[in-house]
């Protein structure tokens, strides 16, 4: 069964339907929107006269249509239905009378299509194929393109004239009058529940489709990143034991919101360098290298968003290099006041839930456990808060963080097998030595961090806590406003540690709202990849 979504340009039907040949030429792609406007003015004058209507002297068809285009929005319930049907195995297609838009609202049209296209297998626009609905020829073209018979197609359109050829050919047709009625009819035809379904996951990145960049930092060290979008720069810094891919649901959403998104493989991970020396992973070195990363890309300032250990990098960037940080946000990991007289390692020893960090201190021990069966490692770790099978206390006593875990744990609801295999392949490159070295610099980080004691972060800042993170609990972020006076907050309910994967819709909403209100910077550079 195939589902067609009709007439992206349907809102022009009433105006275009009464006009003469230029409209057909526009929709067939023979002329552009601006050419059509100049050709149509006289036709429009005759059209209004025939209807007995008067025309204001300052009336502009281009301004009228530009306004109509500017307020055009995606029908979210219909898009959700498309996503649901596609997951059930349906092929989806945008099948529209549309035109080559070189007008002032072309960027809005581009933005809509950029958001829609990832959810559809095919896009058939009249101006691209040189045929328009309701000409039966374009319906035959659609059937040939999808390689289907008419009886396999369910066709939705808001214009009855466009439905007739489809119906005559034997397609199931649905006249779109309102969203609820259309969804009910679509449910009946497809046998799939479409009303009151859970919100679909956001668009995810496909690694094979990403633009990749590599920045040489110093001899033997480079940082890898993926990039999407244009606008103010946003750097995403992941935690342990992850990858740029942990931001797979955030990258398209932030790019769609108008930002140039750079998601890094942090040092020691994936395609970034993974030197074996422990001191290479200190916060001081990491931040120095992050500044070089910006310098090499010609970026004067960026918004930094971090999670877990990535948050420690972005907080320290805000403390030690505030001139390079437009705004800073952290997921789960708070910025805590350092005590110059007490080492954090001594504090960690008194907190049972942090025992895993003590287990990670001896080089080679945790590496051997975590690298033995990478699929098991990531299946065990990447789980929703209500599926957890790994605890973080009494790890040394048990002899390992995965002790007691099945050799082949069930797959969590927050990841796919394809996701797991991506992490497996990434960690086959350089293993866990580099990622674990981040934990082996706690005292070194403390001594350097004490230089910032007494400083405040005055730039725009955001702290997002997850209600059910058992290690980085929301309570740990109390009183941060004392040293971050411009701090804004977000709290995600029913969510554990892997915030980007477990509650991507909620997180994307928080981040995009904050970025647009607090962190936009039009002076940032566009992509040079």
Protein backbone atom coordinates (compact mmCIF):
# COMPACT_ATOMS: atom_id res chain seq x y z
CA UNK A 1 0.00 0.00 0.00
CA UNK A 2 1.32 3.47 -0.87
CA UNK A 3 0.29 6.81 0.60
CA UNK A 4 0.38 10.05 -1.34
CA UNK A 5 0.30 13.48 0.31
CA UNK A 6 -1.36 15.93 -2.06
CA UNK A 7 -0.80 19.48 -3.28
CA UNK A 8 1.85 21.32 -1.33
CA UNK A 9 0.89 24.28 -3.49
CA UNK A 10 -2.81 23.71 -2.97
CA UNK A 11 -3.29 26.98 -1.14
CA UNK A 12 -2.88 28.75 -4.51
CA UNK A 13 -5.64 26.76 -6.18
CA UNK A 14 -8.41 29.32 -5.97
CA UNK A 15 -6.26 32.07 -7.42
CA UNK A 16 -4.39 29.96 -9.95
CA UNK A 17 -7.44 27.93 -10.98
CA UNK A 18 -9.16 30.93 -12.56
CA UNK A 19 -6.16 32.22 -14.46
CA UNK A 20 -4.96 31.45 -17.97
CA UNK A 21 -1.96 29.80 -19.53
CA UNK A 22 0.85 31.39 -17.44
CA UNK A 23 -0.37 29.41 -14.44
CA UNK A 24 0.05 26.11 -16.27
CA UNK A 25 3.47 27.16 -17.51
CA UNK A 26 4.43 28.09 -13.94
CA UNK A 27 3.36 24.74 -12.52
CA UNK A 28 5.10 22.84 -15.33
CA UNK A 29 8.34 24.67 -14.56
CA UNK A 30 8.48 26.50 -17.88
CA UNK A 31 8.68 29.88 -16.15
CA UNK A 32 9.64 31.02 -12.66
CA UNK A 33 7.45 32.67 -10.05
CA UNK A 34 8.77 36.16 -10.87
CA UNK A 35 8.17 35.63 -14.57
CA UNK A 36 4.67 34.41 -13.80
CA UNK A 37 3.87 37.52 -11.74
CA UNK A 38 4.76 39.83 -14.61
CA UNK A 39 2.81 37.74 -17.14
CA UNK A 40 -0.24 37.35 -14.92
CA UNK A 41 -1.06 40.91 -13.97
CA UNK A 42 -3.17 41.57 -17.06
CA UNK A 43 -4.94 38.19 -16.75
CA UNK A 44 -5.72 38.99 -13.13
CA UNK A 45 -7.21 42.36 -14.11
CA UNK A 46 -9.57 40.67 -16.57
CA UNK A 47 -10.37 37.93 -14.07
CA UNK A 48 -11.46 40.41 -11.39
CA UNK A 49 -13.46 42.44 -13.91
CA UNK A 50 -15.32 39.30 -15.01
CA UNK A 51 -16.27 38.69 -11.40
CA UNK A 52 -17.38 42.28 -10.98
CA UNK A 53 -14.67 43.00 -8.43
CA UNK A 54 -12.73 46.22 -8.04
CA UNK A 55 -8.97 46.14 -7.65
CA UNK A 56 -7.07 48.45 -5.29
CA UNK A 57 -4.48 50.62 -6.97
CA UNK A 58 -1.72 49.38 -4.65
CA UNK A 59 -2.75 45.72 -4.97
CA UNK A 60 0.19 43.38 -5.61
CA UNK A 61 -0.35 39.73 -6.48
CA UNK A 62 3.23 38.93 -5.49
CA UNK A 63 2.78 40.46 -2.02
CA UNK A 64 -0.49 38.60 -1.56
CA UNK A 65 0.97 35.25 -2.54
CA UNK A 66 4.20 35.87 -0.63
CA UNK A 67 2.13 36.40 2.49
CA UNK A 68 0.15 33.22 1.81
CA UNK A 69 3.40 31.30 1.42
CA UNK A 70 4.90 32.82 4.59
CA UNK A 71 2.05 31.56 6.81
CA UNK A 72 2.03 28.09 5.28
CA UNK A 73 2.75 25.49 7.96
CA UNK A 74 3.24 21.75 8.08
CA UNK A 75 0.20 19.82 9.24
CA UNK A 76 1.83 18.03 12.19
CA UNK A 77 -0.83 15.33 12.75
CA UNK A 78 -0.73 14.41 9.05
CA UNK A 79 3.08 14.31 9.11
CA UNK A 80 2.95 12.10 12.20
CA UNK A 81 0.59 9.77 10.33
CA UNK A 82 3.04 9.64 7.42
CA UNK A 83 5.86 8.71 9.81
CA UNK A 84 3.74 6.02 11.45
CA UNK A 85 2.71 4.52 8.12
CA UNK A 86 6.25 4.56 6.82
CA UNK A 87 7.42 2.63 9.88
CA UNK A 88 4.72 0.07 9.10
CA UNK A 89 6.22 -0.48 5.66
CA UNK A 90 4.16 1.94 3.57
CA UNK A 91 5.92 3.90 0.83
CA UNK A 92 5.23 7.63 1.12
CA UNK A 93 5.27 10.28 -1.58
CA UNK A 94 4.69 14.03 -1.86
CA UNK A 95 2.75 14.46 -5.12
CA UNK A 96 2.12 18.13 -5.73
CA UNK A 97 1.44 20.92 -8.14
CA UNK A 98 4.28 23.21 -7.24
CA UNK A 99 6.36 25.92 -8.87
CA UNK A 100 9.91 27.19 -9.13
CA UNK A 101 9.94 29.81 -6.40
CA UNK A 102 12.44 32.62 -6.86
CA UNK A 103 10.37 35.00 -4.73
CA UNK A 104 11.04 36.59 -1.37
CA UNK A 105 9.59 33.60 0.52
CA UNK A 106 11.70 30.95 -1.22
CA UNK A 107 13.69 30.31 1.97
CA UNK A 108 10.47 29.50 3.84
CA UNK A 109 9.49 27.01 1.14
CA UNK A 110 12.97 25.52 1.28
CA UNK A 111 12.75 25.17 5.04
CA UNK A 112 9.40 23.37 4.85
CA UNK A 113 10.66 20.97 2.21
CA UNK A 114 13.89 20.36 4.11
CA UNK A 115 11.83 19.25 7.10
CA UNK A 116 9.37 17.19 5.08
CA UNK A 117 11.66 15.31 2.70
CA UNK A 118 13.32 12.99 5.25
CA UNK A 119 9.90 11.45 5.95
CA UNK A 120 9.00 10.68 2.33
CA UNK A 121 10.42 8.10 -0.04
CA UNK A 122 9.58 10.13 -3.14
CA UNK A 123 8.85 13.75 -4.01
CA UNK A 124 7.11 14.41 -7.33
CA UNK A 125 6.73 18.12 -8.04
CA UNK A 126 4.92 19.25 -11.17
CA UNK A 127 7.55 21.86 -12.04
CA UNK A 128 10.28 19.23 -11.91
CA UNK A 129 8.55 16.70 -14.17
CA UNK A 130 6.84 19.13 -16.58
CA UNK A 131 3.33 17.81 -15.92
CA UNK A 132 0.53 18.99 -13.67
CA UNK A 133 -2.47 17.51 -11.89
CA UNK A 134 -5.22 16.73 -12.93
CA UNK A 135 -3.58 15.64 -16.22
CA UNK A 136 -3.74 11.81 -16.13
CA UNK A 137 -0.21 11.72 -17.52
CA UNK A 138 1.34 12.80 -14.21
CA UNK A 139 -0.61 10.12 -12.32
CA UNK A 140 0.79 7.47 -14.66
CA UNK A 141 4.24 8.96 -14.10
CA UNK A 142 3.72 8.66 -10.36
CA UNK A 143 2.68 5.00 -10.66
CA UNK A 144 5.73 4.23 -12.79
CA UNK A 145 8.04 6.04 -10.38
CA UNK A 146 6.71 4.17 -7.35
CA UNK A 147 6.48 0.92 -9.36
CA UNK A 148 2.95 0.22 -8.13
CA UNK A 149 -0.49 -0.48 -9.51
CA UNK A 150 -3.39 1.95 -8.88
CA UNK A 151 -5.04 -0.42 -6.42
CA UNK A 152 -1.97 -0.23 -4.18
CA UNK A 153 -2.29 3.55 -3.76
CA UNK A 154 -4.11 5.66 -1.19
CA UNK A 155 -4.23 9.24 -2.46
CA UNK A 156 -5.05 12.32 -0.35
CA UNK A 157 -5.73 15.74 -1.87
CA UNK A 158 -7.52 18.91 -0.84
CA UNK A 159 -8.71 19.55 -4.39
CA UNK A 160 -11.56 17.35 -5.67
CA UNK A 161 -10.55 17.99 -9.28
CA UNK A 162 -7.22 16.31 -8.59
CA UNK A 163 -8.90 13.29 -7.01
CA UNK A 164 -11.01 12.36 -10.04
CA UNK A 165 -8.22 10.98 -12.30
CA UNK A 166 -6.85 8.97 -9.35
CA UNK A 167 -10.30 7.55 -8.62
CA UNK A 168 -10.88 6.75 -12.30
CA UNK A 169 -7.63 4.79 -12.35
CA UNK A 170 -8.69 2.72 -9.35
CA UNK A 171 -6.79 4.39 -6.53
CA UNK A 172 -8.35 4.76 -3.09
CA UNK A 173 -8.92 8.51 -2.66
CA UNK A 174 -9.45 10.71 0.39
CA UNK A 175 -10.73 14.27 0.07
CA UNK A 176 -8.92 16.34 2.67
CA UNK A 177 -11.45 18.67 4.32
CA UNK A 178 -10.11 18.60 7.87
CA UNK A 179 -7.35 16.74 9.65
CA UNK A 180 -9.44 14.53 11.94
CA UNK A 181 -11.77 13.31 9.19
CA UNK A 182 -8.86 12.63 6.85
CA UNK A 183 -7.02 10.64 9.51
CA UNK A 184 -10.12 8.58 10.31
CA UNK A 185 -10.52 7.70 6.63
CA UNK A 186 -6.82 6.92 6.36
CA UNK A 187 -7.08 4.65 9.39
CA UNK A 188 -9.94 2.76 7.79
CA UNK A 189 -8.14 2.29 4.48
CA UNK A 190 -4.73 1.34 5.89
CA UNK A 191 -5.85 -0.53 9.02
CA UNK A 192 -3.33 1.48 11.05
CA UNK A 193 -4.04 3.55 14.16
CA UNK A 194 -3.18 7.14 13.36
CA UNK A 195 -5.24 9.19 15.79
CA UNK A 196 -3.89 9.79 19.30
CA UNK A 197 -0.62 7.99 18.70
CA UNK A 198 2.54 8.87 20.59
CA UNK A 199 4.69 11.62 19.15
CA UNK A 200 7.16 10.17 16.64
CA UNK A 201 10.88 10.39 17.16
CA UNK A 202 12.53 13.41 15.54
CA UNK A 203 14.45 13.03 12.31
CA UNK A 204 17.68 11.15 12.98
CA UNK A 205 21.05 11.52 11.28
CA UNK A 206 22.29 8.83 8.94
CA UNK A 207 26.08 8.64 9.30
CA UNK A 208 26.48 7.95 5.58
CA UNK A 209 24.67 11.20 4.73
CA UNK A 210 26.71 13.48 7.00
CA UNK A 211 29.34 16.05 6.03
CA UNK A 212 32.54 15.18 7.89
CA UNK A 213 35.35 17.52 8.91
CA UNK A 214 38.80 16.91 10.39
CA UNK A 215 40.75 19.61 12.19
CA UNK A 216 44.49 19.09 12.84
CA UNK A 217 45.17 20.24 16.40
CA UNK A 218 48.84 19.34 16.85
CA UNK A 219 51.17 16.59 15.60
CA UNK A 220 49.40 13.28 16.12
CA UNK A 221 46.08 14.80 17.20
CA UNK A 222 43.05 15.72 15.12
CA UNK A 223 39.41 16.27 15.98
CA UNK A 224 36.62 14.88 13.82
CA UNK A 225 33.18 16.46 13.56
CA UNK A 226 30.03 16.24 11.50
CA UNK A 227 28.23 19.33 10.30
CA UNK A 228 24.75 20.37 9.31
CA UNK A 229 22.97 23.68 8.79
CA UNK A 230 24.00 27.31 8.50
CA UNK A 231 23.82 30.24 10.89
CA UNK A 232 25.23 30.83 14.38
CA UNK A 233 27.62 28.04 15.34
CA UNK A 234 26.61 25.41 17.90
CA UNK A 235 29.22 22.89 19.09
CA UNK A 236 27.85 19.65 20.56
CA UNK A 237 30.15 17.80 22.97
CA UNK A 238 29.18 14.25 23.95
CA UNK A 239 30.00 12.26 27.07
CA UNK A 240 31.15 8.75 28.06
CA UNK A 241 31.14 6.33 26.32
CA UNK A 242 29.57 7.92 23.29
CA UNK A 243 30.09 9.57 19.91
CA UNK A 244 28.90 12.50 17.82
CA UNK A 245 26.12 10.04 16.93
CA UNK A 246 24.60 10.47 20.39
CA UNK A 247 23.31 13.84 19.08
CA UNK A 248 21.64 12.16 16.07
CA UNK A 249 18.18 13.47 17.01
CA UNK A 250 19.39 16.97 17.90
CA UNK A 251 21.57 17.76 14.88
CA UNK A 252 18.73 18.00 12.28
CA UNK A 253 16.43 19.83 14.71
CA UNK A 254 19.00 22.49 15.59
CA UNK A 255 20.04 22.88 11.96
CA UNK A 256 16.39 23.24 10.99
CA UNK A 257 16.04 25.94 13.66
CA UNK A 258 18.67 28.04 11.88
CA UNK A 259 22.03 27.04 13.34
CA UNK A 260 25.28 25.65 12.00
CA UNK A 261 25.70 22.50 14.07
CA UNK A 262 29.11 20.94 14.66
CA UNK A 263 28.91 17.65 16.56
CA UNK A 264 32.33 16.47 17.63
CA UNK A 265 33.88 13.13 18.24
CA UNK A 266 35.54 14.17 21.48
CA UNK A 267 39.20 13.34 21.93
CA UNK A 268 39.70 9.58 22.32
CA UNK A 269 36.53 8.71 20.43
CA UNK A 270 35.56 7.57 16.94
CA UNK A 271 37.49 9.27 14.16
CA UNK A 272 39.20 11.77 16.46
CA UNK A 273 42.69 10.93 17.68
CA UNK A 274 43.08 8.78 20.79
CA UNK A 275 46.59 9.26 22.21
CA UNK A 276 47.35 6.83 25.06
CA UNK A 277 48.83 9.34 27.51
CA UNK A 278 46.54 10.11 30.45
CA UNK A 279 47.51 13.78 30.67
CA UNK A 280 46.30 14.31 27.09
CA UNK A 281 42.74 14.15 28.46
CA UNK A 282 42.93 16.83 31.14
CA UNK A 283 40.40 19.65 31.03
CA UNK A 284 43.16 22.19 30.54
CA UNK A 285 44.45 20.40 27.43
CA UNK A 286 40.91 19.73 26.15
CA UNK A 287 39.93 23.39 26.36
CA UNK A 288 43.16 24.57 24.77
CA UNK A 289 42.49 22.19 21.90
CA UNK A 290 38.90 23.34 21.61
CA UNK A 291 40.15 26.89 21.11
CA UNK A 292 42.50 25.65 18.38
CA UNK A 293 39.54 23.82 16.84
CA UNK A 294 37.64 27.12 16.63
CA UNK A 295 40.69 28.98 15.33
CA UNK A 296 41.34 26.49 12.53
CA UNK A 297 37.71 26.75 11.38
CA UNK A 298 37.74 30.54 11.56
CA UNK A 299 35.02 30.61 14.21
CA UNK A 300 35.37 33.49 16.63
CA UNK A 301 32.60 32.39 18.97
CA UNK A 302 30.22 29.45 19.34
CA UNK A 303 27.43 28.16 21.51
CA UNK A 304 28.64 25.10 23.42
CA UNK A 305 26.26 22.34 24.50
CA UNK A 306 27.58 19.36 26.42
CA UNK A 307 26.39 16.15 28.04
CA UNK A 308 28.14 14.17 30.78
CA UNK A 309 31.94 14.68 30.37
CA UNK A 310 31.23 16.93 27.39
CA UNK A 311 29.48 19.26 29.85
CA UNK A 312 32.68 19.60 31.86
CA UNK A 313 34.44 20.80 28.71
CA UNK A 314 31.78 23.40 27.92
CA UNK A 315 31.56 24.67 31.51
CA UNK A 316 35.33 25.11 31.59
CA UNK A 317 35.29 26.83 28.22
CA UNK A 318 32.85 29.33 29.71
CA UNK A 319 35.10 29.81 32.75
CA UNK A 320 38.49 30.02 31.05
CA UNK A 321 37.66 31.20 27.51
CA UNK A 322 34.42 33.22 27.82
CA UNK A 323 35.37 35.36 24.83
CA UNK A 324 34.97 32.28 22.60
CA UNK A 325 31.64 31.16 24.08
CA UNK A 326 28.43 32.82 22.88
CA UNK A 327 26.35 30.77 25.32
CA UNK A 328 26.72 27.51 27.23
CA UNK A 329 24.34 24.65 28.02
CA UNK A 330 24.72 21.41 29.92
CA UNK A 331 22.65 18.26 29.99
CA UNK A 332 22.63 16.38 33.30
CA UNK A 333 26.07 17.56 34.49
CA UNK A 334 26.03 20.55 36.84
CA UNK A 335 28.89 22.97 37.46
CA UNK A 336 29.95 22.46 41.07
CA UNK A 337 32.00 24.80 43.22
CA UNK A 338 35.51 23.46 43.76
CA UNK A 339 36.97 23.35 47.26
CA UNK A 340 40.69 24.28 47.02
CA UNK A 341 41.42 22.31 50.21
CA UNK A 342 39.64 19.03 49.37
CA UNK A 343 40.36 16.93 46.27
CA UNK A 344 37.27 15.75 44.38
CA UNK A 345 38.76 12.26 44.46
CA UNK A 346 38.43 12.24 48.24
CA UNK A 347 34.80 13.31 47.90
CA UNK A 348 34.10 10.62 45.29
CA UNK A 349 35.34 7.96 47.72
CA UNK A 350 32.53 8.92 50.11
CA UNK A 351 29.71 8.67 47.51
CA UNK A 352 28.74 5.03 46.73
CA UNK A 353 27.10 5.84 43.39
CA UNK A 354 30.46 7.15 42.11
CA UNK A 355 32.33 3.91 42.85
CA UNK A 356 32.55 3.17 39.13
CA UNK A 357 34.86 6.17 38.76
CA UNK A 358 37.29 4.59 41.22
CA UNK A 359 37.10 1.32 39.29
CA UNK A 360 38.04 3.23 36.12
CA UNK A 361 41.30 4.58 37.62
CA UNK A 362 43.61 1.60 37.02
CA UNK A 363 44.68 1.61 33.34
CA UNK A 364 43.83 -1.55 31.49
CA UNK A 365 41.27 -3.01 33.93
CA UNK A 366 38.04 -1.42 32.75
CA UNK A 367 39.34 -1.40 29.17
CA UNK A 368 39.55 -5.19 29.19
CA UNK A 369 36.03 -5.61 30.54
CA UNK A 370 34.33 -3.08 28.27
CA UNK A 371 36.18 -4.06 25.08
CA UNK A 372 35.66 -7.83 25.43
CA UNK A 373 32.16 -7.75 23.89
CA UNK A 374 31.34 -4.31 22.56
CA UNK A 375 27.77 -5.19 21.60
CA UNK A 376 27.10 -6.40 25.15
CA UNK A 377 28.69 -3.23 26.58
CA UNK A 378 26.49 -0.83 24.67
CA UNK A 379 23.32 -2.89 24.97
CA UNK A 380 23.87 -2.94 28.73
CA UNK A 381 24.68 0.75 29.10
CA UNK A 382 22.35 2.50 26.63
CA UNK A 383 18.99 1.91 28.27
CA UNK A 384 16.00 3.95 29.41
CA UNK A 385 15.88 4.69 33.13
CA UNK A 386 13.16 2.09 33.70
CA UNK A 387 15.13 -0.64 31.87
CA UNK A 388 18.48 -0.23 33.68
CA UNK A 389 20.49 -3.39 34.26
CA UNK A 390 23.80 -1.75 35.23
CA UNK A 391 24.40 -0.10 38.60
CA UNK A 392 27.32 2.19 39.45
CA UNK A 393 27.91 1.41 43.13
CA UNK A 394 30.02 -1.43 44.65
CA UNK A 395 31.68 -1.91 41.27
CA UNK A 396 35.13 -2.64 42.71
CA UNK A 397 33.66 -5.13 45.15
CA UNK A 398 31.84 -6.96 42.34
CA UNK A 399 34.89 -6.88 40.11
CA UNK A 400 33.45 -4.94 37.18
CA UNK A 401 30.67 -2.70 35.96
CA UNK A 402 29.12 -5.41 33.75
CA UNK A 403 29.36 -8.23 36.29
CA UNK A 404 26.00 -10.01 36.44
CA UNK A 405 24.93 -8.72 33.05
CA UNK A 406 23.84 -11.18 30.37
CA UNK A 407 26.18 -11.84 27.48
CA UNK A 408 23.47 -10.72 25.07
CA UNK A 409 21.22 -8.19 26.85
CA UNK A 410 17.88 -7.33 25.30
CA UNK A 411 17.76 -4.28 23.08
CA UNK A 412 16.54 -1.13 24.82
CA UNK A 413 13.55 0.80 23.52
CA UNK A 414 15.74 3.91 23.08
CA UNK A 415 18.12 2.39 20.50
CA UNK A 416 18.00 0.18 17.43
CA UNK A 417 20.37 -2.63 16.57
CA UNK A 418 21.72 -0.37 13.83
CA UNK A 419 22.49 2.28 16.47
CA UNK A 420 24.32 -0.25 18.63
CA UNK A 421 26.39 -1.47 15.70
CA UNK A 422 27.46 2.08 14.88
CA UNK A 423 28.91 2.46 18.38
CA UNK A 424 30.53 -0.97 18.12
CA UNK A 425 32.28 -0.01 14.90
CA UNK A 426 33.40 3.33 16.33
CA UNK A 427 34.93 1.76 19.43
CA UNK A 428 36.69 -0.90 17.37
CA UNK A 429 38.83 1.94 16.01
CA UNK A 430 40.62 2.93 19.24
CA UNK A 431 38.90 1.18 22.13
CA UNK A 432 38.18 2.50 25.61
CA UNK A 433 41.65 3.69 26.66
CA UNK A 434 41.09 7.30 25.58
CA UNK A 435 37.52 7.57 26.89
CA UNK A 436 38.54 6.12 30.28
CA UNK A 437 41.50 8.49 30.49
CA UNK A 438 38.99 11.30 30.98
CA UNK A 439 38.32 9.82 34.44
CA UNK A 440 42.03 9.60 35.24
CA UNK A 441 42.57 13.35 35.36
CA UNK A 442 40.29 14.22 38.28
CA UNK A 443 43.05 15.60 40.52
CA UNK A 444 44.80 17.31 37.61
CA UNK A 445 41.49 18.93 36.59
CA UNK A 446 40.89 20.03 40.18
CA UNK A 447 44.25 21.80 40.48
CA UNK A 448 43.67 23.64 37.22
CA UNK A 449 40.03 24.36 37.97
CA UNK A 450 40.90 25.97 41.29
CA UNK A 451 42.38 28.87 39.32
CA UNK A 452 38.79 29.85 38.49
CA UNK A 453 37.52 29.75 42.09
CA UNK A 454 35.49 32.90 42.69
CA UNK A 455 34.70 33.49 39.02
CA UNK A 456 31.14 33.71 37.76
CA UNK A 457 29.80 32.70 34.39
CA UNK A 458 27.98 35.77 33.10
CA UNK A 459 27.17 34.62 29.58
CA UNK A 460 23.76 33.07 28.73
CA UNK A 461 23.61 29.59 30.24
CA UNK A 462 21.20 26.67 30.41
CA UNK A 463 21.09 23.70 32.78
CA UNK A 464 18.89 20.75 31.73
CA UNK A 465 18.35 18.05 34.34
CA UNK A 466 16.80 14.62 33.86
CA UNK A 467 14.36 13.58 36.55
CA UNK A 468 15.55 9.96 36.79
CA UNK A 469 19.30 10.22 36.29
CA UNK A 470 20.52 8.10 39.21
CA UNK A 471 24.11 9.41 39.13
CA UNK A 472 23.84 13.04 38.00
CA UNK A 473 20.70 13.78 39.98
CA UNK A 474 18.74 17.03 39.61
CA UNK A 475 19.55 17.87 43.24
CA UNK A 476 23.22 18.22 42.32
CA UNK A 477 22.42 21.36 40.33
CA UNK A 478 20.98 23.29 43.28
CA UNK A 479 22.27 26.83 43.88
CA UNK A 480 24.08 27.08 40.53
CA UNK A 481 22.53 30.53 40.12
CA UNK A 482 24.93 31.75 42.83
CA UNK A 483 27.81 31.55 40.31
CA UNK A 484 25.81 31.56 37.06
CA UNK A 485 23.40 34.48 37.52
CA UNK A 486 21.96 34.28 33.98
CA UNK A 487 21.20 30.57 34.26
CA UNK A 488 18.02 29.23 32.73
CA UNK A 489 16.72 25.78 33.54
CA UNK A 490 14.96 22.88 31.93
CA UNK A 491 13.75 19.65 33.52
CA UNK A 492 12.84 16.54 31.54
CA UNK A 493 10.44 14.22 33.31
CA UNK A 494 10.57 10.43 33.12
CA UNK A 495 14.12 10.51 31.74
CA UNK A 496 17.41 8.95 32.79
CA UNK A 497 21.02 9.65 31.90
CA UNK A 498 20.92 9.21 28.11
CA UNK A 499 18.84 12.33 27.63
CA UNK A 500 19.42 12.87 23.91
CA UNK A 501 18.23 9.35 23.10
CA UNK A 502 15.53 8.82 25.71
CA UNK A 503 13.59 12.08 25.36
CA UNK A 504 14.72 13.70 22.10
CA UNK A 505 11.50 15.59 21.40
CA UNK A 506 11.44 17.21 24.82
CA UNK A 507 15.14 18.04 24.70
CA UNK A 508 14.93 19.50 21.20
CA UNK A 509 12.10 21.78 22.27
CA UNK A 510 14.08 23.08 25.25
CA UNK A 511 17.27 23.61 23.25
CA UNK A 512 15.70 25.29 20.22
CA UNK A 513 13.67 27.69 22.37
CA UNK A 514 16.75 28.62 24.42
CA UNK A 515 18.97 28.98 21.36
CA UNK A 516 16.51 31.26 19.59
CA UNK A 517 15.92 33.49 22.62
CA UNK A 518 19.31 33.53 24.34
CA UNK A 519 22.00 32.24 22.04
CA UNK A 520 21.50 33.53 18.49
CA UNK A 521 24.47 35.31 17.01
CA UNK A 522 24.12 36.38 13.37
CA UNK A 523 27.81 37.24 13.14
CA UNK A 524 28.82 33.57 13.24
CA UNK A 525 30.28 32.13 10.06
CA UNK A 526 28.58 29.75 7.69
CA UNK A 527 29.98 26.37 6.79
CA UNK A 528 33.17 26.12 4.79
CA UNK A 529 33.03 22.35 4.29
